[in-house]
N, C-alpha and C. Protein backbone atom coordinates (compact mmCIF):
# COMPACT_ATOMS: atom_id res chain seq x y z
N UNK A 1 -62.04 -49.77 -22.04
CA UNK A 1 -61.51 -48.51 -21.67
C UNK A 1 -61.31 -48.36 -20.18
N UNK A 2 -62.24 -48.89 -19.37
CA UNK A 2 -62.01 -48.72 -17.95
C UNK A 2 -60.72 -49.38 -17.52
N UNK A 3 -60.32 -50.43 -18.20
CA UNK A 3 -59.09 -51.07 -17.79
C UNK A 3 -57.87 -50.21 -18.15
N UNK A 4 -57.95 -49.45 -19.23
CA UNK A 4 -56.83 -48.58 -19.60
C UNK A 4 -56.71 -47.40 -18.62
N UNK A 5 -57.85 -46.93 -18.13
CA UNK A 5 -57.82 -45.86 -17.13
C UNK A 5 -57.26 -46.41 -15.83
N UNK A 6 -57.68 -47.59 -15.50
CA UNK A 6 -57.18 -48.23 -14.29
C UNK A 6 -55.68 -48.49 -14.41
N UNK A 7 -55.24 -48.91 -15.57
CA UNK A 7 -53.82 -49.16 -15.81
C UNK A 7 -53.02 -47.87 -15.73
N UNK A 8 -53.56 -46.82 -16.30
CA UNK A 8 -52.87 -45.51 -16.27
C UNK A 8 -52.77 -44.98 -14.84
N UNK A 9 -53.85 -45.09 -14.09
CA UNK A 9 -53.81 -44.59 -12.72
C UNK A 9 -52.88 -45.44 -11.85
N UNK A 10 -52.84 -46.75 -12.10
CA UNK A 10 -51.92 -47.61 -11.35
C UNK A 10 -50.47 -47.24 -11.68
N UNK A 11 -50.23 -46.96 -12.94
CA UNK A 11 -48.88 -46.57 -13.36
C UNK A 11 -48.48 -45.23 -12.72
N UNK A 12 -49.42 -44.27 -12.66
CA UNK A 12 -49.15 -42.97 -12.04
C UNK A 12 -48.88 -43.13 -10.56
N UNK A 13 -49.66 -43.99 -9.87
CA UNK A 13 -49.44 -44.22 -8.44
C UNK A 13 -48.07 -44.86 -8.21
N UNK A 14 -47.69 -45.81 -9.06
CA UNK A 14 -46.39 -46.47 -8.92
C UNK A 14 -45.26 -45.46 -9.16
N UNK A 15 -45.44 -44.60 -10.14
CA UNK A 15 -44.42 -43.59 -10.44
C UNK A 15 -44.27 -42.61 -9.29
N UNK A 16 -45.38 -42.15 -8.74
CA UNK A 16 -45.34 -41.23 -7.60
C UNK A 16 -44.73 -41.93 -6.40
N UNK A 17 -45.11 -43.19 -6.17
CA UNK A 17 -44.58 -43.95 -5.05
C UNK A 17 -43.08 -44.16 -5.18
N UNK A 18 -42.59 -44.35 -6.39
CA UNK A 18 -41.16 -44.56 -6.61
C UNK A 18 -40.38 -43.27 -6.45
N UNK A 19 -40.94 -42.16 -6.88
CA UNK A 19 -40.22 -40.88 -6.81
C UNK A 19 -40.31 -40.23 -5.44
N UNK A 20 -41.27 -40.65 -4.62
CA UNK A 20 -41.45 -40.05 -3.31
C UNK A 20 -40.25 -40.28 -2.39
N UNK A 21 -39.72 -41.48 -2.26
CA UNK A 21 -38.54 -41.65 -1.40
C UNK A 21 -37.32 -40.88 -1.91
N UNK A 22 -37.16 -40.78 -3.21
CA UNK A 22 -36.04 -40.02 -3.77
C UNK A 22 -36.17 -38.55 -3.41
N UNK A 23 -37.37 -38.01 -3.47
CA UNK A 23 -37.60 -36.61 -3.15
C UNK A 23 -37.31 -36.33 -1.68
N UNK A 24 -37.66 -37.25 -0.80
CA UNK A 24 -37.41 -37.04 0.63
C UNK A 24 -35.96 -37.33 1.00
N UNK A 25 -35.25 -38.13 0.24
CA UNK A 25 -33.87 -38.45 0.60
C UNK A 25 -32.91 -37.33 0.22
N UNK A 26 -33.22 -36.51 -0.75
CA UNK A 26 -32.32 -35.44 -1.16
C UNK A 26 -32.10 -34.42 -0.06
N UNK A 27 -33.11 -33.93 0.65
CA UNK A 27 -32.82 -32.98 1.71
C UNK A 27 -31.96 -33.60 2.81
N UNK A 28 -32.14 -34.88 3.08
CA UNK A 28 -31.32 -35.52 4.09
C UNK A 28 -29.88 -35.59 3.63
N UNK A 29 -29.65 -35.91 2.34
CA UNK A 29 -28.29 -35.98 1.83
C UNK A 29 -27.63 -34.61 1.86
N UNK A 30 -28.38 -33.59 1.44
CA UNK A 30 -27.79 -32.25 1.42
C UNK A 30 -27.53 -31.78 2.84
N UNK A 31 -28.41 -32.17 3.77
CA UNK A 31 -28.16 -31.81 5.16
C UNK A 31 -26.95 -32.56 5.68
N UNK A 32 -26.79 -33.81 5.31
CA UNK A 32 -25.65 -34.57 5.81
C UNK A 32 -24.36 -34.06 5.19
N UNK A 33 -24.39 -33.63 3.94
CA UNK A 33 -23.20 -33.06 3.31
C UNK A 33 -22.83 -31.75 3.99
N UNK A 34 -23.82 -30.92 4.26
CA UNK A 34 -23.55 -29.66 4.95
C UNK A 34 -23.02 -29.91 6.35
N UNK A 35 -23.60 -30.89 7.02
CA UNK A 35 -23.14 -31.23 8.37
C UNK A 35 -21.71 -31.78 8.33
N UNK A 36 -21.42 -32.59 7.32
CA UNK A 36 -20.06 -33.13 7.19
C UNK A 36 -19.06 -32.01 6.92
N UNK A 37 -19.45 -31.02 6.12
CA UNK A 37 -18.56 -29.88 5.84
C UNK A 37 -18.30 -29.08 7.11
N UNK A 38 -19.36 -28.87 7.91
CA UNK A 38 -19.18 -28.14 9.18
C UNK A 38 -18.24 -28.89 10.11
N UNK A 39 -18.45 -30.19 10.21
CA UNK A 39 -17.58 -30.99 11.08
C UNK A 39 -16.14 -30.95 10.60
N UNK A 40 -15.96 -31.01 9.29
CA UNK A 40 -14.61 -30.97 8.72
C UNK A 40 -13.93 -29.64 9.03
N UNK A 41 -14.66 -28.53 8.88
CA UNK A 41 -14.08 -27.21 9.20
C UNK A 41 -13.71 -27.10 10.66
N UNK A 42 -14.58 -27.59 11.53
CA UNK A 42 -14.30 -27.53 12.96
C UNK A 42 -13.08 -28.38 13.31
N UNK A 43 -12.97 -29.53 12.66
CA UNK A 43 -11.83 -30.41 12.91
C UNK A 43 -10.53 -29.75 12.48
N UNK A 44 -10.56 -29.10 11.30
CA UNK A 44 -9.36 -28.40 10.83
C UNK A 44 -9.01 -27.24 11.75
N UNK A 45 -10.01 -26.54 12.21
CA UNK A 45 -9.77 -25.40 13.10
C UNK A 45 -9.14 -25.86 14.41
N UNK A 46 -9.63 -26.97 14.94
CA UNK A 46 -9.11 -27.48 16.20
C UNK A 46 -7.70 -28.03 16.05
N UNK A 47 -7.39 -28.59 14.88
CA UNK A 47 -6.07 -29.21 14.72
C UNK A 47 -5.04 -28.26 14.13
N UNK A 48 -5.33 -26.97 14.05
CA UNK A 48 -4.37 -26.01 13.50
C UNK A 48 -3.14 -25.96 14.39
N UNK A 49 -1.99 -26.05 13.74
CA UNK A 49 -0.73 -26.05 14.48
C UNK A 49 -0.30 -24.61 14.74
N UNK A 50 0.27 -24.35 15.90
CA UNK A 50 0.78 -22.99 16.14
C UNK A 50 2.01 -22.75 15.26
N UNK A 51 2.19 -21.50 14.86
CA UNK A 51 3.32 -21.13 14.01
C UNK A 51 4.63 -21.32 14.77
N UNK A 52 5.63 -21.83 14.08
CA UNK A 52 6.93 -22.05 14.69
C UNK A 52 7.71 -20.74 14.69
N UNK A 53 8.22 -20.37 15.85
CA UNK A 53 8.99 -19.15 15.99
C UNK A 53 10.46 -19.53 16.07
N UNK A 54 11.24 -18.96 15.17
CA UNK A 54 12.67 -19.26 15.15
C UNK A 54 13.40 -18.19 15.95
N UNK A 55 14.15 -18.64 16.94
CA UNK A 55 14.96 -17.74 17.75
C UNK A 55 16.40 -18.22 17.71
N UNK A 56 17.29 -17.48 18.35
CA UNK A 56 18.68 -17.90 18.41
C UNK A 56 18.82 -19.24 19.12
N UNK A 57 17.98 -19.49 20.09
CA UNK A 57 18.05 -20.74 20.84
C UNK A 57 17.57 -21.93 20.01
N UNK A 58 16.55 -21.73 19.18
CA UNK A 58 16.01 -22.84 18.40
C UNK A 58 16.73 -23.03 17.07
N UNK A 59 17.56 -22.08 16.66
CA UNK A 59 18.28 -22.17 15.41
C UNK A 59 19.46 -23.10 15.58
N UNK A 60 19.55 -24.11 14.75
CA UNK A 60 20.62 -25.09 14.85
C UNK A 60 21.70 -24.74 13.83
N UNK A 61 22.76 -24.09 14.28
CA UNK A 61 23.85 -23.68 13.41
C UNK A 61 25.09 -24.44 13.85
N UNK A 62 25.73 -25.09 12.89
CA UNK A 62 26.95 -25.84 13.18
C UNK A 62 28.15 -24.90 13.10
N UNK A 63 29.14 -25.17 13.89
CA UNK A 63 30.36 -24.36 13.86
C UNK A 63 30.99 -24.50 12.48
N UNK A 64 31.49 -23.40 11.93
CA UNK A 64 32.14 -23.41 10.63
C UNK A 64 31.18 -23.16 9.48
N UNK A 65 29.88 -23.18 9.70
CA UNK A 65 28.93 -22.91 8.63
C UNK A 65 28.90 -21.43 8.26
N UNK A 66 29.02 -20.59 9.26
CA UNK A 66 28.93 -19.15 9.05
C UNK A 66 30.26 -18.52 9.41
N UNK A 67 30.73 -17.62 8.56
CA UNK A 67 31.99 -16.94 8.84
C UNK A 67 31.70 -15.66 9.61
N UNK A 68 32.38 -15.48 10.70
CA UNK A 68 32.18 -14.30 11.51
C UNK A 68 32.78 -13.09 10.82
N UNK A 69 32.19 -11.93 11.06
CA UNK A 69 32.69 -10.70 10.44
C UNK A 69 34.03 -10.29 11.02
N UNK A 70 34.36 -10.75 12.21
CA UNK A 70 35.63 -10.39 12.84
C UNK A 70 36.58 -11.58 12.90
N UNK A 71 36.35 -12.59 12.10
CA UNK A 71 37.21 -13.78 12.11
C UNK A 71 38.60 -13.42 11.63
N UNK A 72 39.60 -14.04 12.23
CA UNK A 72 40.98 -13.77 11.85
C UNK A 72 41.40 -14.61 10.66
N UNK A 73 40.83 -15.80 10.53
CA UNK A 73 41.17 -16.69 9.43
C UNK A 73 39.91 -16.99 8.63
N UNK A 74 40.04 -17.06 7.31
CA UNK A 74 38.87 -17.43 6.53
C UNK A 74 38.49 -18.88 6.81
N UNK A 75 37.21 -19.14 6.95
CA UNK A 75 36.72 -20.47 7.27
C UNK A 75 35.98 -21.10 6.11
N UNK A 76 35.71 -20.32 5.09
CA UNK A 76 35.00 -20.84 3.93
C UNK A 76 36.04 -21.13 2.85
N UNK A 77 36.00 -22.32 2.25
CA UNK A 77 36.97 -22.63 1.20
C UNK A 77 36.84 -21.65 0.05
N UNK A 78 37.98 -21.18 -0.44
CA UNK A 78 37.98 -20.25 -1.55
C UNK A 78 37.83 -18.81 -1.13
N UNK A 79 37.80 -18.54 0.18
CA UNK A 79 37.68 -17.16 0.65
C UNK A 79 39.00 -16.44 0.41
N UNK A 80 38.98 -15.11 0.21
CA UNK A 80 40.22 -14.37 -0.02
C UNK A 80 41.12 -14.43 1.21
N UNK A 81 42.42 -14.33 0.94
CA UNK A 81 43.35 -14.40 2.08
C UNK A 81 43.29 -13.11 2.90
N UNK A 82 43.88 -13.13 4.06
CA UNK A 82 43.78 -12.03 5.01
C UNK A 82 44.40 -10.74 4.48
N UNK A 83 45.35 -10.82 3.55
CA UNK A 83 46.00 -9.62 3.04
C UNK A 83 45.04 -8.77 2.21
N UNK A 84 44.03 -9.39 1.58
CA UNK A 84 43.10 -8.65 0.74
C UNK A 84 41.84 -8.20 1.47
N UNK A 85 41.74 -8.48 2.76
CA UNK A 85 40.55 -8.07 3.50
C UNK A 85 40.59 -6.57 3.75
N UNK A 86 39.43 -5.94 3.93
CA UNK A 86 39.34 -4.49 4.03
C UNK A 86 40.22 -3.89 5.12
N UNK A 87 40.42 -4.55 6.20
CA UNK A 87 41.21 -3.99 7.30
C UNK A 87 42.69 -3.96 7.01
N UNK A 88 43.17 -4.76 6.05
CA UNK A 88 44.60 -4.85 5.79
C UNK A 88 44.99 -4.21 4.47
N UNK A 89 44.20 -3.37 3.88
CA UNK A 89 44.51 -2.76 2.60
C UNK A 89 45.70 -1.82 2.67
N UNK A 90 45.87 -1.17 3.76
CA UNK A 90 46.94 -0.20 3.88
C UNK A 90 48.32 -0.82 3.84
N UNK A 91 48.46 -2.10 4.08
CA UNK A 91 49.76 -2.75 4.10
C UNK A 91 50.26 -3.09 2.72
N UNK A 92 49.40 -3.15 1.71
CA UNK A 92 49.81 -3.54 0.38
C UNK A 92 49.40 -2.43 -0.60
N UNK A 93 50.32 -1.51 -0.97
CA UNK A 93 49.96 -0.39 -1.84
C UNK A 93 49.58 -0.83 -3.25
N UNK A 94 50.11 -1.94 -3.75
CA UNK A 94 49.77 -2.39 -5.10
C UNK A 94 48.29 -2.78 -5.16
N UNK A 95 47.80 -3.38 -4.11
CA UNK A 95 46.39 -3.76 -4.05
C UNK A 95 45.51 -2.52 -4.04
N UNK A 96 45.92 -1.50 -3.30
CA UNK A 96 45.15 -0.26 -3.21
C UNK A 96 45.06 0.41 -4.57
N UNK A 97 46.16 0.47 -5.32
CA UNK A 97 46.15 1.10 -6.64
C UNK A 97 45.28 0.32 -7.61
N UNK A 98 45.28 -1.00 -7.51
CA UNK A 98 44.48 -1.80 -8.43
C UNK A 98 42.98 -1.68 -8.12
N UNK A 99 42.64 -1.48 -6.87
CA UNK A 99 41.24 -1.41 -6.49
C UNK A 99 40.66 -0.01 -6.67
N UNK A 100 41.48 1.00 -6.69
CA UNK A 100 40.99 2.37 -6.80
C UNK A 100 40.24 2.61 -8.11
N UNK A 101 40.77 2.23 -9.28
CA UNK A 101 40.00 2.45 -10.51
C UNK A 101 38.69 1.66 -10.52
N UNK A 102 38.72 0.46 -9.97
CA UNK A 102 37.49 -0.32 -9.93
C UNK A 102 36.46 0.35 -9.03
N UNK A 103 36.93 0.89 -7.91
CA UNK A 103 36.03 1.58 -6.99
C UNK A 103 35.48 2.85 -7.64
N UNK A 104 36.33 3.55 -8.38
CA UNK A 104 35.87 4.76 -9.08
C UNK A 104 34.84 4.41 -10.14
N UNK A 105 35.11 3.32 -10.89
CA UNK A 105 34.15 2.89 -11.90
C UNK A 105 32.80 2.55 -11.27
N UNK A 106 32.85 1.84 -10.15
CA UNK A 106 31.61 1.46 -9.45
C UNK A 106 30.86 2.71 -8.98
N UNK A 107 31.62 3.68 -8.46
CA UNK A 107 30.99 4.92 -7.99
C UNK A 107 30.37 5.67 -9.17
N UNK A 108 31.07 5.70 -10.32
CA UNK A 108 30.54 6.37 -11.50
C UNK A 108 29.27 5.66 -12.00
N UNK A 109 29.26 4.33 -11.96
CA UNK A 109 28.08 3.58 -12.41
C UNK A 109 26.89 3.89 -11.51
N UNK A 110 27.13 3.98 -10.21
CA UNK A 110 26.04 4.31 -9.28
C UNK A 110 25.52 5.72 -9.54
N UNK A 111 26.44 6.64 -9.80
CA UNK A 111 26.04 8.02 -10.07
C UNK A 111 25.25 8.10 -11.38
N UNK A 112 25.68 7.34 -12.39
CA UNK A 112 24.98 7.31 -13.67
C UNK A 112 23.56 6.79 -13.48
N UNK A 113 23.44 5.72 -12.68
CA UNK A 113 22.11 5.15 -12.41
C UNK A 113 21.23 6.17 -11.70
N UNK A 114 21.80 6.90 -10.74
CA UNK A 114 21.03 7.91 -10.00
C UNK A 114 20.58 9.03 -10.93
N UNK A 115 21.47 9.48 -11.82
CA UNK A 115 21.12 10.57 -12.75
C UNK A 115 20.07 10.09 -13.75
N UNK A 116 20.18 8.85 -14.19
CA UNK A 116 19.17 8.31 -15.11
C UNK A 116 17.79 8.28 -14.45
N UNK A 117 17.75 7.92 -13.18
CA UNK A 117 16.47 7.92 -12.45
C UNK A 117 15.92 9.34 -12.34
N UNK A 118 16.79 10.29 -12.04
CA UNK A 118 16.35 11.69 -11.94
C UNK A 118 15.83 12.17 -13.30
N UNK A 119 16.53 11.80 -14.37
CA UNK A 119 16.12 12.20 -15.71
C UNK A 119 14.76 11.59 -16.07
N UNK A 120 14.58 10.32 -15.73
CA UNK A 120 13.31 9.65 -16.00
C UNK A 120 12.17 10.34 -15.25
N UNK A 121 12.41 10.68 -13.99
CA UNK A 121 11.39 11.37 -13.19
C UNK A 121 11.09 12.76 -13.76
N UNK A 122 12.14 13.48 -14.17
CA UNK A 122 11.94 14.82 -14.73
C UNK A 122 11.16 14.75 -16.04
N UNK A 123 11.45 13.75 -16.88
CA UNK A 123 10.71 13.60 -18.13
C UNK A 123 9.24 13.27 -17.86
N UNK A 124 8.98 12.46 -16.85
CA UNK A 124 7.60 12.17 -16.47
C UNK A 124 6.88 13.40 -15.97
N UNK A 125 7.58 14.21 -15.17
CA UNK A 125 6.98 15.46 -14.67
C UNK A 125 6.66 16.41 -15.82
N UNK A 126 7.59 16.51 -16.79
CA UNK A 126 7.36 17.38 -17.94
C UNK A 126 6.15 16.90 -18.74
N UNK A 127 6.05 15.60 -18.92
CA UNK A 127 4.92 15.05 -19.66
C UNK A 127 3.60 15.40 -18.96
N UNK A 128 3.58 15.26 -17.65
CA UNK A 128 2.36 15.61 -16.90
C UNK A 128 2.05 17.10 -17.01
N UNK A 129 3.07 17.94 -16.92
CA UNK A 129 2.86 19.39 -17.05
C UNK A 129 2.29 19.73 -18.43
N UNK A 130 2.83 19.08 -19.48
CA UNK A 130 2.35 19.35 -20.83
C UNK A 130 0.90 18.91 -21.01
N UNK A 131 0.56 17.75 -20.45
CA UNK A 131 -0.83 17.28 -20.56
C UNK A 131 -1.79 18.21 -19.82
N UNK A 132 -1.39 18.61 -18.63
CA UNK A 132 -2.23 19.53 -17.85
C UNK A 132 -2.40 20.85 -18.60
N UNK A 133 -1.31 21.32 -19.21
CA UNK A 133 -1.37 22.57 -19.96
C UNK A 133 -2.31 22.46 -21.16
N UNK A 134 -2.26 21.34 -21.86
CA UNK A 134 -3.16 21.16 -23.01
C UNK A 134 -4.62 21.17 -22.57
N UNK A 135 -4.91 20.50 -21.46
CA UNK A 135 -6.29 20.49 -20.97
C UNK A 135 -6.74 21.88 -20.55
N UNK A 136 -5.86 22.61 -19.87
CA UNK A 136 -6.21 23.96 -19.44
C UNK A 136 -6.37 24.89 -20.64
N UNK A 137 -5.55 24.69 -21.68
CA UNK A 137 -5.70 25.50 -22.88
C UNK A 137 -7.06 25.22 -23.54
N UNK A 138 -7.43 23.95 -23.61
CA UNK A 138 -8.73 23.61 -24.19
C UNK A 138 -9.85 24.28 -23.40
N UNK A 139 -9.73 24.24 -22.08
CA UNK A 139 -10.76 24.84 -21.23
C UNK A 139 -10.79 26.36 -21.44
N UNK A 140 -9.60 26.96 -21.46
CA UNK A 140 -9.50 28.42 -21.58
C UNK A 140 -10.05 28.91 -22.93
N UNK A 141 -9.60 28.28 -24.02
CA UNK A 141 -9.99 28.76 -25.34
C UNK A 141 -11.39 28.32 -25.75
N UNK A 142 -11.99 27.38 -25.01
CA UNK A 142 -13.36 26.99 -25.35
C UNK A 142 -14.39 27.98 -24.81
N UNK A 143 -13.96 28.89 -23.95
CA UNK A 143 -14.87 29.90 -23.41
C UNK A 143 -15.12 30.98 -24.47
N UNK A 144 -16.35 31.43 -24.60
CA UNK A 144 -16.62 32.46 -25.62
C UNK A 144 -15.93 33.79 -25.31
N UNK A 145 -15.73 34.11 -24.06
CA UNK A 145 -15.08 35.38 -23.71
C UNK A 145 -13.73 35.11 -23.03
N UNK A 146 -12.90 34.26 -23.65
CA UNK A 146 -11.63 33.90 -23.04
C UNK A 146 -10.67 35.07 -22.91
N UNK A 147 -10.80 36.07 -23.74
CA UNK A 147 -9.89 37.23 -23.68
C UNK A 147 -10.07 37.99 -22.37
N UNK A 148 -11.23 37.94 -21.79
CA UNK A 148 -11.45 38.67 -20.53
C UNK A 148 -11.11 37.82 -19.30
N UNK A 149 -10.72 36.56 -19.49
CA UNK A 149 -10.38 35.67 -18.36
C UNK A 149 -8.90 35.81 -18.04
N UNK A 150 -8.58 36.79 -17.19
CA UNK A 150 -7.16 37.05 -16.87
C UNK A 150 -6.59 35.97 -15.96
N UNK A 151 -7.41 35.38 -15.10
CA UNK A 151 -6.91 34.33 -14.21
C UNK A 151 -6.53 33.08 -15.01
N UNK A 152 -7.33 32.74 -16.01
CA UNK A 152 -7.02 31.60 -16.86
C UNK A 152 -5.78 31.83 -17.67
N UNK A 153 -5.60 33.07 -18.16
CA UNK A 153 -4.41 33.40 -18.94
C UNK A 153 -3.17 33.34 -18.07
N UNK A 154 -3.27 33.83 -16.84
CA UNK A 154 -2.14 33.79 -15.90
C UNK A 154 -1.74 32.35 -15.58
N UNK A 155 -2.75 31.49 -15.41
CA UNK A 155 -2.49 30.08 -15.11
C UNK A 155 -1.73 29.43 -16.26
N UNK A 156 -2.12 29.73 -17.51
CA UNK A 156 -1.43 29.17 -18.67
C UNK A 156 0.01 29.67 -18.75
N UNK A 157 0.22 30.95 -18.44
CA UNK A 157 1.58 31.50 -18.46
C UNK A 157 2.45 30.86 -17.38
N UNK A 158 1.88 30.62 -16.19
CA UNK A 158 2.63 29.96 -15.11
C UNK A 158 3.01 28.53 -15.51
N UNK A 159 2.10 27.85 -16.17
CA UNK A 159 2.39 26.50 -16.61
C UNK A 159 3.50 26.49 -17.67
N UNK A 160 3.46 27.47 -18.57
CA UNK A 160 4.51 27.58 -19.59
C UNK A 160 5.87 27.81 -18.93
N UNK A 161 5.88 28.64 -17.89
CA UNK A 161 7.12 28.93 -17.16
C UNK A 161 7.64 27.66 -16.46
N UNK A 162 6.73 26.90 -15.85
CA UNK A 162 7.13 25.65 -15.18
C UNK A 162 7.69 24.65 -16.20
N UNK A 163 7.04 24.56 -17.36
CA UNK A 163 7.54 23.64 -18.39
C UNK A 163 8.91 24.06 -18.89
N UNK A 164 9.13 25.36 -19.02
CA UNK A 164 10.43 25.87 -19.46
C UNK A 164 11.51 25.51 -18.42
N UNK A 165 11.22 25.69 -17.15
CA UNK A 165 12.17 25.34 -16.10
C UNK A 165 12.45 23.84 -16.09
N UNK A 166 11.44 23.04 -16.31
CA UNK A 166 11.61 21.58 -16.32
C UNK A 166 12.45 21.16 -17.51
N UNK A 167 12.28 21.81 -18.66
CA UNK A 167 13.10 21.51 -19.84
C UNK A 167 14.57 21.84 -19.57
N UNK A 168 14.82 22.97 -18.89
CA UNK A 168 16.20 23.34 -18.54
C UNK A 168 16.81 22.31 -17.58
N UNK A 169 16.00 21.85 -16.64
CA UNK A 169 16.48 20.82 -15.70
C UNK A 169 16.83 19.53 -16.45
N UNK A 170 15.99 19.16 -17.41
CA UNK A 170 16.23 17.95 -18.20
C UNK A 170 17.50 18.10 -19.03
N UNK A 171 17.71 19.27 -19.63
CA UNK A 171 18.93 19.51 -20.40
C UNK A 171 20.16 19.40 -19.51
N UNK A 172 20.08 19.93 -18.31
CA UNK A 172 21.21 19.84 -17.38
C UNK A 172 21.49 18.39 -16.98
N UNK A 173 20.44 17.62 -16.74
CA UNK A 173 20.62 16.21 -16.38
C UNK A 173 21.19 15.41 -17.55
N UNK A 174 20.76 15.73 -18.77
CA UNK A 174 21.30 15.05 -19.94
C UNK A 174 22.79 15.36 -20.11
N UNK A 175 23.17 16.62 -19.89
CA UNK A 175 24.59 16.99 -19.96
C UNK A 175 25.40 16.29 -18.88
N UNK A 176 24.87 16.25 -17.68
CA UNK A 176 25.57 15.58 -16.57
C UNK A 176 25.72 14.09 -16.87
N UNK A 177 24.69 13.47 -17.42
CA UNK A 177 24.74 12.06 -17.76
C UNK A 177 25.79 11.80 -18.84
N UNK A 178 25.83 12.66 -19.84
CA UNK A 178 26.84 12.51 -20.91
C UNK A 178 28.25 12.63 -20.34
N UNK A 179 28.47 13.59 -19.44
CA UNK A 179 29.79 13.76 -18.82
C UNK A 179 30.18 12.53 -18.00
N UNK A 180 29.23 12.01 -17.25
CA UNK A 180 29.52 10.83 -16.42
C UNK A 180 29.83 9.61 -17.30
N UNK A 181 29.07 9.45 -18.36
CA UNK A 181 29.32 8.32 -19.26
C UNK A 181 30.68 8.47 -19.96
N UNK A 182 31.02 9.69 -20.30
CA UNK A 182 32.33 9.94 -20.91
C UNK A 182 33.44 9.63 -19.91
N UNK A 183 33.27 10.05 -18.66
CA UNK A 183 34.26 9.76 -17.61
C UNK A 183 34.39 8.26 -17.38
N UNK A 184 33.28 7.58 -17.38
CA UNK A 184 33.32 6.13 -17.18
C UNK A 184 34.03 5.45 -18.35
N UNK A 185 33.78 5.90 -19.56
CA UNK A 185 34.45 5.34 -20.73
C UNK A 185 35.95 5.57 -20.68
N UNK A 186 36.35 6.77 -20.27
CA UNK A 186 37.78 7.08 -20.18
C UNK A 186 38.46 6.28 -19.07
N UNK A 187 37.80 6.16 -17.93
CA UNK A 187 38.43 5.47 -16.80
C UNK A 187 38.52 3.97 -17.08
N UNK A 188 37.52 3.39 -17.75
CA UNK A 188 37.58 1.96 -18.02
C UNK A 188 38.60 1.67 -19.13
N UNK A 189 38.78 2.58 -20.10
CA UNK A 189 39.78 2.36 -21.13
C UNK A 189 41.19 2.57 -20.59
N UNK A 190 41.37 3.51 -19.67
CA UNK A 190 42.71 3.73 -19.09
C UNK A 190 43.07 2.62 -18.09
N UNK A 191 42.08 2.04 -17.42
CA UNK A 191 42.38 0.96 -16.47
C UNK A 191 42.68 -0.35 -17.20
N UNK A 192 42.17 -0.52 -18.44
CA UNK A 192 42.45 -1.75 -19.18
C UNK A 192 43.83 -1.72 -19.82
N UNK A 193 44.37 -0.51 -20.05
CA UNK A 193 45.71 -0.39 -20.60
C UNK A 193 46.73 -0.34 -19.48
N UNK A 194 47.88 -1.08 -19.61
CA UNK A 194 48.90 -1.06 -18.54
C UNK A 194 49.66 0.21 -18.46
């Protein structure tokens, strides 16, 4: 038995001796990794390039790449001829007549888009007013003596009036939108027929 105890203790000493260098090497490795990360960050910071600023002087533009707004001749292949440019429209009445319906259609489309946005906003406002009114009604009618709350009743009546005005505004916008769409339909059908 004494030999088994001696063997066990020798094995324990060998195990401790083998694990001791590993235990002491880990802090050194973690310190070296942390130190390497710090050095890497400092190196990146030092080697950061300044941002390039583009100015008229540093911009390399070749002649003919960009067409000037006041150019007399088109420089880009496939560009419209000088007779169709905005400054020369008055010289060709046929061109003016052909472009007028298209310009009107474009103007009508923009107006329709604007009215649709107004209608969308008005519908959102009405929805918010209705939600607020429902909450205020719940608050007002949940009180045991709501009949004596004249301020709460007045607030509900004011909200009802605002909702009524918003509904009238929405109806007006819907009518205006219908008229604009009808005008656009008529103008596009008349411009397609000779």
